[in-house]
Amino acid sequence: MSADEETMIPRLAQGVRLKFDAARDGWVVLAPERIIVPEETALEILRKCDGKRNLAAIIDELASEYDAPRDVIADDVHTLMSELIAKGLLRS
């Protein structure tokens, strides 16, 4: 994923949703025939993929929240976004 793609506005794919699972006492990603338990960082990114913010805004928010260099956050977010799009969990 390139810097040019930071204008994309990611959102959960059709049929995919975040839900708190009481049995697991944590958040899960529900997708057709799949349940994924995201790690804390991935969950924070997924929560921001609301179809309103572009990827650049998400990266900026995370860099501010975690007080981390933007380029480090951007690398991590781009990697995760690529994986989630390839798995059909996100779309832009």
PDB file of N, CA and C in Angstrom:
ATOM      1  N   MET A   1       0.844  -1.159   0.000  1.00  0.00           N
ATOM      2  CA  MET A   1       0.000   0.000   0.000  1.00  0.00           C
ATOM      3  C   MET A   1       0.895   1.229   0.000  1.00  0.00           C
ATOM      4  N   SER A   2       0.638   2.146  -0.877  1.00  0.00           N
ATOM      5  CA  SER A   2       1.489   3.331  -1.019  1.00  0.00           C
ATOM      6  C   SER A   2       0.892   4.518  -0.283  1.00  0.00           C
ATOM      7  N   ALA A   3       1.710   5.566  -0.163  1.00  0.00           N
ATOM      8  CA  ALA A   3       1.247   6.790   0.481  1.00  0.00           C
ATOM      9  C   ALA A   3       0.071   7.391  -0.279  1.00  0.00           C
ATOM     10  N   ASP A   4       0.029   7.191  -1.601  1.00  0.00           N
ATOM     11  CA  ASP A   4      -1.089   7.698  -2.401  1.00  0.00           C
ATOM     12  C   ASP A   4      -2.410   7.072  -1.971  1.00  0.00           C
ATOM     13  N   GLU A   5      -2.342   5.870  -1.436  1.00  0.00           N
ATOM     14  CA  GLU A   5      -3.558   5.176  -1.033  1.00  0.00           C
ATOM     15  C   GLU A   5      -4.092   5.654   0.316  1.00  0.00           C
ATOM     16  N   GLU A   6      -3.401   6.607   0.929  1.00  0.00           N
ATOM     17  CA  GLU A   6      -3.877   7.144   2.197  1.00  0.00           C
ATOM     18  C   GLU A   6      -5.153   7.958   2.036  1.00  0.00           C
ATOM     19  N   THR A   7      -5.576   8.200   0.807  1.00  0.00           N
ATOM     20  CA  THR A   7      -6.836   8.903   0.585  1.00  0.00           C
ATOM     21  C   THR A   7      -8.027   7.938   0.626  1.00  0.00           C
ATOM     22  N   MET A   8      -7.756   6.629   0.604  1.00  0.00           N
ATOM     23  CA  MET A   8      -8.857   5.658   0.654  1.00  0.00           C
ATOM     24  C   MET A   8      -9.594   5.777   1.980  1.00  0.00           C
ATOM     25  N   ILE A   9     -10.870   5.483   1.946  1.00  0.00           N
ATOM     26  CA  ILE A   9     -11.706   5.542   3.145  1.00  0.00           C
ATOM     27  C   ILE A   9     -12.128   4.111   3.470  1.00  0.00           C
ATOM     28  N   PRO A  10     -11.390   3.463   4.373  1.00  0.00           N
ATOM     29  CA  PRO A  10     -11.671   2.056   4.659  1.00  0.00           C
ATOM     30  C   PRO A  10     -12.905   1.875   5.537  1.00  0.00           C
ATOM     31  N   ARG A  11     -13.590   0.777   5.295  1.00  0.00           N
ATOM     32  CA  ARG A  11     -14.738   0.385   6.118  1.00  0.00           C
ATOM     33  C   ARG A  11     -14.821  -1.134   6.106  1.00  0.00           C
ATOM     34  N   LEU A  12     -15.519  -1.658   7.075  1.00  0.00           N
ATOM     35  CA  LEU A  12     -15.688  -3.096   7.124  1.00  0.00           C
ATOM     36  C   LEU A  12     -16.450  -3.552   5.890  1.00  0.00           C
ATOM     37  N   ALA A  13     -16.072  -4.690   5.368  1.00  0.00           N
ATOM     38  CA  ALA A  13     -16.727  -5.244   4.183  1.00  0.00           C
ATOM     39  C   ALA A  13     -18.154  -5.665   4.544  1.00  0.00           C
ATOM     40  N   GLN A  14     -18.966  -5.828   3.525  1.00  0.00           N
ATOM     41  CA  GLN A  14     -20.341  -6.262   3.733  1.00  0.00           C
ATOM     42  C   GLN A  14     -20.351  -7.598   4.473  1.00  0.00           C
ATOM     43  N   GLY A  15     -21.183  -7.700   5.499  1.00  0.00           N
ATOM     44  CA  GLY A  15     -21.280  -8.932   6.270  1.00  0.00           C
ATOM     45  C   GLY A  15     -20.247  -9.065   7.369  1.00  0.00           C
ATOM     46  N   VAL A  16     -19.391  -8.056   7.532  1.00  0.00           N
ATOM     47  CA  VAL A  16     -18.343  -8.084   8.559  1.00  0.00           C
ATOM     48  C   VAL A  16     -18.694  -7.037   9.611  1.00  0.00           C
ATOM     49  N   ARG A  17     -18.554  -7.419  10.879  1.00  0.00           N
ATOM     50  CA  ARG A  17     -18.825  -6.444  11.932  1.00  0.00           C
ATOM     51  C   ARG A  17     -17.989  -6.733  13.167  1.00  0.00           C
ATOM     52  N   LEU A  18     -17.798  -5.682  13.947  1.00  0.00           N
ATOM     53  CA  LEU A  18     -17.125  -5.794  15.242  1.00  0.00           C
ATOM     54  C   LEU A  18     -18.191  -6.006  16.301  1.00  0.00           C
ATOM     55  N   LYS A  19     -17.924  -6.904  17.227  1.00  0.00           N
ATOM     56  CA  LYS A  19     -18.901  -7.171  18.276  1.00  0.00           C
ATOM     57  C   LYS A  19     -18.180  -7.582  19.544  1.00  0.00           C
ATOM     58  N   PHE A  20     -18.691  -7.094  20.677  1.00  0.00           N
ATOM     59  CA  PHE A  20     -18.141  -7.543  21.951  1.00  0.00           C
ATOM     60  C   PHE A  20     -18.720  -8.921  22.234  1.00  0.00           C
ATOM     61  N   ASP A  21     -17.845  -9.872  22.500  1.00  0.00           N
ATOM     62  CA  ASP A  21     -18.260 -11.244  22.764  1.00  0.00           C
ATOM     63  C   ASP A  21     -18.090 -11.513  24.255  1.00  0.00           C
ATOM     64  N   ALA A  22     -19.225 -11.627  24.957  1.00  0.00           N
ATOM     65  CA  ALA A  22     -19.191 -11.839  26.403  1.00  0.00           C
ATOM     66  C   ALA A  22     -18.491 -13.143  26.773  1.00  0.00           C
ATOM     67  N   ALA A  23     -18.680 -14.182  25.970  1.00  0.00           N
ATOM     68  CA  ALA A  23     -18.045 -15.471  26.261  1.00  0.00           C
ATOM     69  C   ALA A  23     -16.521 -15.371  26.236  1.00  0.00           C
ATOM     70  N   ARG A  24     -15.997 -14.553  25.344  1.00  0.00           N
ATOM     71  CA  ARG A  24     -14.546 -14.370  25.246  1.00  0.00           C
ATOM     72  C   ARG A  24     -14.065 -13.176  26.064  1.00  0.00           C
ATOM     73  N   ASP A  25     -15.032 -12.401  26.558  1.00  0.00           N
ATOM     74  CA  ASP A  25     -14.746 -11.171  27.298  1.00  0.00           C
ATOM     75  C   ASP A  25     -13.835 -10.248  26.493  1.00  0.00           C
ATOM     76  N   GLY A  26     -14.172 -10.109  25.221  1.00  0.00           N
ATOM     77  CA  GLY A  26     -13.386  -9.240  24.348  1.00  0.00           C
ATOM     78  C   GLY A  26     -14.080  -9.037  23.016  1.00  0.00           C
ATOM     79  N   TRP A  27     -13.473  -8.201  22.203  1.00  0.00           N
ATOM     80  CA  TRP A  27     -14.023  -7.870  20.893  1.00  0.00           C
ATOM     81  C   TRP A  27     -13.615  -8.909  19.861  1.00  0.00           C
ATOM     82  N   VAL A  28     -14.518  -9.177  18.939  1.00  0.00           N
ATOM     83  CA  VAL A  28     -14.243 -10.090  17.842  1.00  0.00           C
ATOM     84  C   VAL A  28     -14.708  -9.464  16.537  1.00  0.00           C
ATOM     85  N   VAL A  29     -14.133  -9.940  15.459  1.00  0.00           N
ATOM     86  CA  VAL A  29     -14.576  -9.572  14.123  1.00  0.00           C
ATOM     87  C   VAL A  29     -15.395 -10.751  13.616  1.00  0.00           C
ATOM     88  N   LEU A  30     -16.649 -10.484  13.330  1.00  0.00           N
ATOM     89  CA  LEU A  30     -17.525 -11.519  12.795  1.00  0.00           C
ATOM     90  C   LEU A  30     -17.599 -11.355  11.289  1.00  0.00           C
ATOM     91  N   ALA A  31     -17.299 -12.408  10.585  1.00  0.00           N
ATOM     92  CA  ALA A  31     -17.363 -12.431   9.127  1.00  0.00           C
ATOM     93  C   ALA A  31     -18.059 -13.730   8.744  1.00  0.00           C
ATOM     94  N   PRO A  32     -18.572 -13.818   7.532  1.00  0.00           N
ATOM     95  CA  PRO A  32     -19.237 -15.053   7.139  1.00  0.00           C
ATOM     96  C   PRO A  32     -18.362 -16.280   7.424  1.00  0.00           C
ATOM     97  N   GLU A  33     -18.858 -17.142   8.276  1.00  0.00           N
ATOM     98  CA  GLU A  33     -18.217 -18.396   8.647  1.00  0.00           C
ATOM     99  C   GLU A  33     -16.851 -18.233   9.309  1.00  0.00           C
ATOM    100  N   ARG A  34     -16.609 -17.052   9.870  1.00  0.00           N
ATOM    101  CA  ARG A  34     -15.327 -16.800  10.550  1.00  0.00           C
ATOM    102  C   ARG A  34     -15.540 -15.931  11.776  1.00  0.00           C
ATOM    103  N   ILE A  35     -14.755 -16.184  12.792  1.00  0.00           N
ATOM    104  CA  ILE A  35     -14.667 -15.312  13.955  1.00  0.00           C
ATOM    105  C   ILE A  35     -13.180 -15.064  14.164  1.00  0.00           C
ATOM    106  N   ILE A  36     -12.812 -13.794  14.222  1.00  0.00           N
ATOM    107  CA  ILE A  36     -11.410 -13.424  14.388  1.00  0.00           C
ATOM    108  C   ILE A  36     -11.287 -12.598  15.663  1.00  0.00           C
ATOM    109  N   VAL A  37     -10.325 -12.940  16.491  1.00  0.00           N
ATOM    110  CA  VAL A  37     -10.061 -12.177  17.708  1.00  0.00           C
ATOM    111  C   VAL A  37      -8.854 -11.283  17.424  1.00  0.00           C
ATOM    112  N   PRO A  38      -9.095  -9.988  17.182  1.00  0.00           N
ATOM    113  CA  PRO A  38      -7.983  -9.102  16.846  1.00  0.00           C
ATOM    114  C   PRO A  38      -7.169  -8.724  18.079  1.00  0.00           C
ATOM    115  N   GLU A  39      -5.890  -8.504  17.863  1.00  0.00           N
ATOM    116  CA  GLU A  39      -5.053  -7.995  18.946  1.00  0.00           C
ATOM    117  C   GLU A  39      -5.462  -6.540  19.193  1.00  0.00           C
ATOM    118  N   GLU A  40      -5.022  -5.983  20.299  1.00  0.00           N
ATOM    119  CA  GLU A  40      -5.448  -4.640  20.715  1.00  0.00           C
ATOM    120  C   GLU A  40      -5.174  -3.567  19.661  1.00  0.00           C
ATOM    121  N   THR A  41      -4.003  -3.594  19.077  1.00  0.00           N
ATOM    122  CA  THR A  41      -3.659  -2.586  18.071  1.00  0.00           C
ATOM    123  C   THR A  41      -4.548  -2.714  16.843  1.00  0.00           C
ATOM    124  N   ALA A  42      -4.752  -3.925  16.376  1.00  0.00           N
ATOM    125  CA  ALA A  42      -5.620  -4.147  15.211  1.00  0.00           C
ATOM    126  C   ALA A  42      -7.039  -3.699  15.509  1.00  0.00           C
ATOM    127  N   LEU A  43      -7.511  -3.942  16.735  1.00  0.00           N
ATOM    128  CA  LEU A  43      -8.850  -3.523  17.121  1.00  0.00           C
ATOM    129  C   LEU A  43      -8.982  -2.006  17.054  1.00  0.00           C
ATOM    130  N   GLU A  44      -7.971  -1.290  17.534  1.00  0.00           N
ATOM    131  CA  GLU A  44      -8.015   0.177  17.482  1.00  0.00           C
ATOM    132  C   GLU A  44      -8.089   0.676  16.037  1.00  0.00           C
ATOM    133  N   ILE A  45      -7.360   0.032  15.158  1.00  0.00           N
ATOM    134  CA  ILE A  45      -7.396   0.413  13.740  1.00  0.00           C
ATOM    135  C   ILE A  45      -8.763   0.083  13.153  1.00  0.00           C
ATOM    136  N   LEU A  46      -9.272  -1.100  13.420  1.00  0.00           N
ATOM    137  CA  LEU A  46     -10.572  -1.504  12.884  1.00  0.00           C
ATOM    138  C   LEU A  46     -11.689  -0.577  13.358  1.00  0.00           C
ATOM    139  N   ARG A  47     -11.637  -0.151  14.591  1.00  0.00           N
ATOM    140  CA  ARG A  47     -12.666   0.769  15.104  1.00  0.00           C
ATOM    141  C   ARG A  47     -12.690   2.088  14.341  1.00  0.00           C
ATOM    142  N   LYS A  48     -11.564   2.472  13.813  1.00  0.00           N
ATOM    143  CA  LYS A  48     -11.484   3.732  13.073  1.00  0.00           C
ATOM    144  C   LYS A  48     -11.885   3.587  11.607  1.00  0.00           C
ATOM    145  N   CYS A  49     -12.036   2.373  11.145  1.00  0.00           N
ATOM    146  CA  CYS A  49     -12.438   2.124   9.750  1.00  0.00           C
ATOM    147  C   CYS A  49     -13.957   2.200   9.651  1.00  0.00           C
ATOM    148  N   ASP A  50     -14.463   3.420   9.772  1.00  0.00           N
ATOM    149  CA  ASP A  50     -15.898   3.648   9.864  1.00  0.00           C
ATOM    150  C   ASP A  50     -16.535   4.134   8.564  1.00  0.00           C
ATOM    151  N   GLY A  51     -15.733   4.209   7.502  1.00  0.00           N
ATOM    152  CA  GLY A  51     -16.273   4.691   6.236  1.00  0.00           C
ATOM    153  C   GLY A  51     -16.379   6.204   6.168  1.00  0.00           C
ATOM    154  N   LYS A  52     -15.860   6.889   7.173  1.00  0.00           N
ATOM    155  CA  LYS A  52     -15.908   8.358   7.214  1.00  0.00           C
ATOM    156  C   LYS A  52     -14.521   8.986   7.125  1.00  0.00           C
ATOM    157  N   ARG A  53     -13.542   8.332   7.744  1.00  0.00           N
ATOM    158  CA  ARG A  53     -12.176   8.874   7.779  1.00  0.00           C
ATOM    159  C   ARG A  53     -11.321   8.204   6.719  1.00  0.00           C
ATOM    160  N   ASN A  54     -10.442   9.006   6.113  1.00  0.00           N
ATOM    161  CA  ASN A  54      -9.520   8.378   5.175  1.00  0.00           C
ATOM    162  C   ASN A  54      -8.340   7.798   5.950  1.00  0.00           C
ATOM    163  N   LEU A  55      -7.549   7.003   5.260  1.00  0.00           N
ATOM    164  CA  LEU A  55      -6.442   6.310   5.897  1.00  0.00           C
ATOM    165  C   LEU A  55      -5.443   7.286   6.516  1.00  0.00           C
ATOM    166  N   ALA A  56      -5.208   8.409   5.873  1.00  0.00           N
ATOM    167  CA  ALA A  56      -4.279   9.407   6.418  1.00  0.00           C
ATOM    168  C   ALA A  56      -4.769   9.921   7.766  1.00  0.00           C
ATOM    169  N   ALA A  57      -6.069  10.172   7.897  1.00  0.00           N
ATOM    170  CA  ALA A  57      -6.631  10.656   9.163  1.00  0.00           C
ATOM    171  C   ALA A  57      -6.514   9.589  10.244  1.00  0.00           C
ATOM    172  N   ILE A  58      -6.742   8.340   9.873  1.00  0.00           N
ATOM    173  CA  ILE A  58      -6.614   7.242  10.833  1.00  0.00           C
ATOM    174  C   ILE A  58      -5.173   7.154  11.339  1.00  0.00           C
ATOM    175  N   ILE A  59      -4.228   7.236  10.428  1.00  0.00           N
ATOM    176  CA  ILE A  59      -2.812   7.176  10.804  1.00  0.00           C
ATOM    177  C   ILE A  59      -2.453   8.351  11.710  1.00  0.00           C
ATOM    178  N   ASP A  60      -2.914   9.551  11.354  1.00  0.00           N
ATOM    179  CA  ASP A  60      -2.632  10.733  12.171  1.00  0.00           C
ATOM    180  C   ASP A  60      -3.203  10.584  13.584  1.00  0.00           C
ATOM    181  N   GLU A  61      -4.432  10.088  13.682  1.00  0.00           N
ATOM    182  CA  GLU A  61      -5.061   9.891  14.996  1.00  0.00           C
ATOM    183  C   GLU A  61      -4.276   8.891  15.836  1.00  0.00           C
ATOM    184  N   LEU A  62      -3.893   7.782  15.231  1.00  0.00           N
ATOM    185  CA  LEU A  62      -3.144   6.762  15.967  1.00  0.00           C
ATOM    186  C   LEU A  62      -1.773   7.280  16.402  1.00  0.00           C
ATOM    187  N   ALA A  63      -1.101   8.012  15.537  1.00  0.00           N
ATOM    188  CA  ALA A  63       0.214   8.567  15.892  1.00  0.00           C
ATOM    189  C   ALA A  63       0.085   9.507  17.084  1.00  0.00           C
ATOM    190  N   SER A  64      -0.993  10.289  17.098  1.00  0.00           N
ATOM    191  CA  SER A  64      -1.231  11.198  18.212  1.00  0.00           C
ATOM    192  C   SER A  64      -1.593  10.437  19.488  1.00  0.00           C
ATOM    193  N   GLU A  65      -2.506   9.482  19.376  1.00  0.00           N
ATOM    194  CA  GLU A  65      -2.949   8.716  20.544  1.00  0.00           C
ATOM    195  C   GLU A  65      -1.814   7.928  21.188  1.00  0.00           C
ATOM    196  N   TYR A  66      -0.952   7.359  20.365  1.00  0.00           N
ATOM    197  CA  TYR A  66       0.138   6.529  20.880  1.00  0.00           C
ATOM    198  C   TYR A  66       1.451   7.303  21.033  1.00  0.00           C
ATOM    199  N   ASP A  67       1.406   8.606  20.692  1.00  0.00           N
ATOM    200  CA  ASP A  67       2.605   9.448  20.775  1.00  0.00           C
ATOM    201  C   ASP A  67       3.791   8.759  20.110  1.00  0.00           C
ATOM    202  N   ALA A  68       3.544   8.337  18.865  1.00  0.00           N
ATOM    203  CA  ALA A  68       4.551   7.590  18.108  1.00  0.00           C
ATOM    204  C   ALA A  68       4.813   8.299  16.781  1.00  0.00           C
ATOM    205  N   PRO A  69       5.984   8.061  16.198  1.00  0.00           N
ATOM    206  CA  PRO A  69       6.290   8.679  14.896  1.00  0.00           C
ATOM    207  C   PRO A  69       5.275   8.229  13.835  1.00  0.00           C
ATOM    208  N   ARG A  70       4.814   9.190  13.051  1.00  0.00           N
ATOM    209  CA  ARG A  70       3.799   8.893  12.051  1.00  0.00           C
ATOM    210  C   ARG A  70       4.255   7.825  11.066  1.00  0.00           C
ATOM    211  N   ASP A  71       5.526   7.870  10.638  1.00  0.00           N
ATOM    212  CA  ASP A  71       5.986   6.901   9.644  1.00  0.00           C
ATOM    213  C   ASP A  71       5.974   5.473  10.181  1.00  0.00           C
ATOM    214  N   VAL A  72       6.228   5.305  11.475  1.00  0.00           N
ATOM    215  CA  VAL A  72       6.180   3.969  12.088  1.00  0.00           C
ATOM    216  C   VAL A  72       4.737   3.475  12.110  1.00  0.00           C
ATOM    217  N   ILE A  73       3.833   4.340  12.542  1.00  0.00           N
ATOM    218  CA  ILE A  73       2.405   3.993  12.580  1.00  0.00           C
ATOM    219  C   ILE A  73       1.917   3.700  11.162  1.00  0.00           C
ATOM    220  N   ALA A  74       2.312   4.529  10.199  1.00  0.00           N
ATOM    221  CA  ALA A  74       1.866   4.341   8.815  1.00  0.00           C
ATOM    222  C   ALA A  74       2.297   2.984   8.272  1.00  0.00           C
ATOM    223  N   ASP A  75       3.521   2.582   8.540  1.00  0.00           N
ATOM    224  CA  ASP A  75       3.991   1.262   8.079  1.00  0.00           C
ATOM    225  C   ASP A  75       3.129   0.136   8.661  1.00  0.00           C
ATOM    226  N   ASP A  76       2.865   0.231   9.966  1.00  0.00           N
ATOM    227  CA  ASP A  76       2.053  -0.799  10.620  1.00  0.00           C
ATOM    228  C   ASP A  76       0.622  -0.818  10.078  1.00  0.00           C
ATOM    229  N   VAL A  77       0.042   0.360   9.906  1.00  0.00           N
ATOM    230  CA  VAL A  77      -1.336   0.449   9.415  1.00  0.00           C
ATOM    231  C   VAL A  77      -1.416  -0.052   7.978  1.00  0.00           C
ATOM    232  N   HIS A  78      -0.487   0.337   7.143  1.00  0.00           N
ATOM    233  CA  HIS A  78      -0.492  -0.128   5.748  1.00  0.00           C
ATOM    234  C   HIS A  78      -0.394  -1.648   5.676  1.00  0.00           C
ATOM    235  N   THR A  79       0.470  -2.230   6.510  1.00  0.00           N
ATOM    236  CA  THR A  79       0.618  -3.687   6.525  1.00  0.00           C
ATOM    237  C   THR A  79      -0.690  -4.360   6.938  1.00  0.00           C
ATOM    238  N   LEU A  80      -1.275  -3.876   8.015  1.00  0.00           N
ATOM    239  CA  LEU A  80      -2.524  -4.463   8.491  1.00  0.00           C
ATOM    240  C   LEU A  80      -3.648  -4.274   7.475  1.00  0.00           C
ATOM    241  N   MET A  81      -3.754  -3.092   6.889  1.00  0.00           N
ATOM    242  CA  MET A  81      -4.799  -2.829   5.895  1.00  0.00           C
ATOM    243  C   MET A  81      -4.677  -3.786   4.711  1.00  0.00           C
ATOM    244  N   SER A  82      -3.472  -3.977   4.245  1.00  0.00           N
ATOM    245  CA  SER A  82      -3.260  -4.894   3.121  1.00  0.00           C
ATOM    246  C   SER A  82      -3.727  -6.297   3.462  1.00  0.00           C
ATOM    247  N   GLU A  83      -3.406  -6.751   4.672  1.00  0.00           N
ATOM    248  CA  GLU A  83      -3.818  -8.087   5.110  1.00  0.00           C
ATOM    249  C   GLU A  83      -5.336  -8.194   5.227  1.00  0.00           C
ATOM    250  N   LEU A  84      -5.972  -7.185   5.808  1.00  0.00           N
ATOM    251  CA  LEU A  84      -7.423  -7.217   6.013  1.00  0.00           C
ATOM    252  C   LEU A  84      -8.190  -7.115   4.696  1.00  0.00           C
ATOM    253  N   ILE A  85      -7.660  -6.335   3.770  1.00  0.00           N
ATOM    254  CA  ILE A  85      -8.296  -6.242   2.452  1.00  0.00           C
ATOM    255  C   ILE A  85      -8.150  -7.569   1.718  1.00  0.00           C
ATOM    256  N   ALA A  86      -6.963  -8.169   1.788  1.00  0.00           N
ATOM    257  CA  ALA A  86      -6.740  -9.464   1.122  1.00  0.00           C
ATOM    258  C   ALA A  86      -7.637 -10.554   1.699  1.00  0.00           C
ATOM    259  N   LYS A  87      -7.950 -10.466   2.999  1.00  0.00           N
ATOM    260  CA  LYS A  87      -8.823 -11.454   3.631  1.00  0.00           C
ATOM    261  C   LYS A  87     -10.302 -11.154   3.416  1.00  0.00           C
ATOM    262  N   GLY A  88     -10.584 -10.019   2.767  1.00  0.00           N
ATOM    263  CA  GLY A  88     -11.970  -9.652   2.500  1.00  0.00           C
ATOM    264  C   GLY A  88     -12.703  -9.060   3.683  1.00  0.00           C
ATOM    265  N   LEU A  89     -11.972  -8.589   4.678  1.00  0.00           N
ATOM    266  CA  LEU A  89     -12.598  -8.017   5.861  1.00  0.00           C
ATOM    267  C   LEU A  89     -12.820  -6.514   5.751  1.00  0.00           C
ATOM    268  N   LEU A  90     -12.020  -5.845   4.937  1.00  0.00           N
ATOM    269  CA  LEU A  90     -12.139  -4.408   4.729  1.00  0.00           C
ATOM    270  C   LEU A  90     -12.297  -4.098   3.253  1.00  0.00           C
ATOM    271  N   ARG A  91     -12.899  -2.951   2.993  1.00  0.00           N
ATOM    272  CA  ARG A  91     -12.953  -2.436   1.622  1.00  0.00           C
ATOM    273  C   ARG A  91     -12.787  -0.931   1.678  1.00  0.00           C
ATOM    274  N   SER A  92     -12.487  -0.357   0.555  1.00  0.00           N
ATOM    275  CA  SER A  92     -12.326   1.101   0.527  1.00  0.00           C
ATOM    276  C   SER A  92     -13.318   1.718  -0.426  1.00  0.00           C
TER     277      SER A  92
END
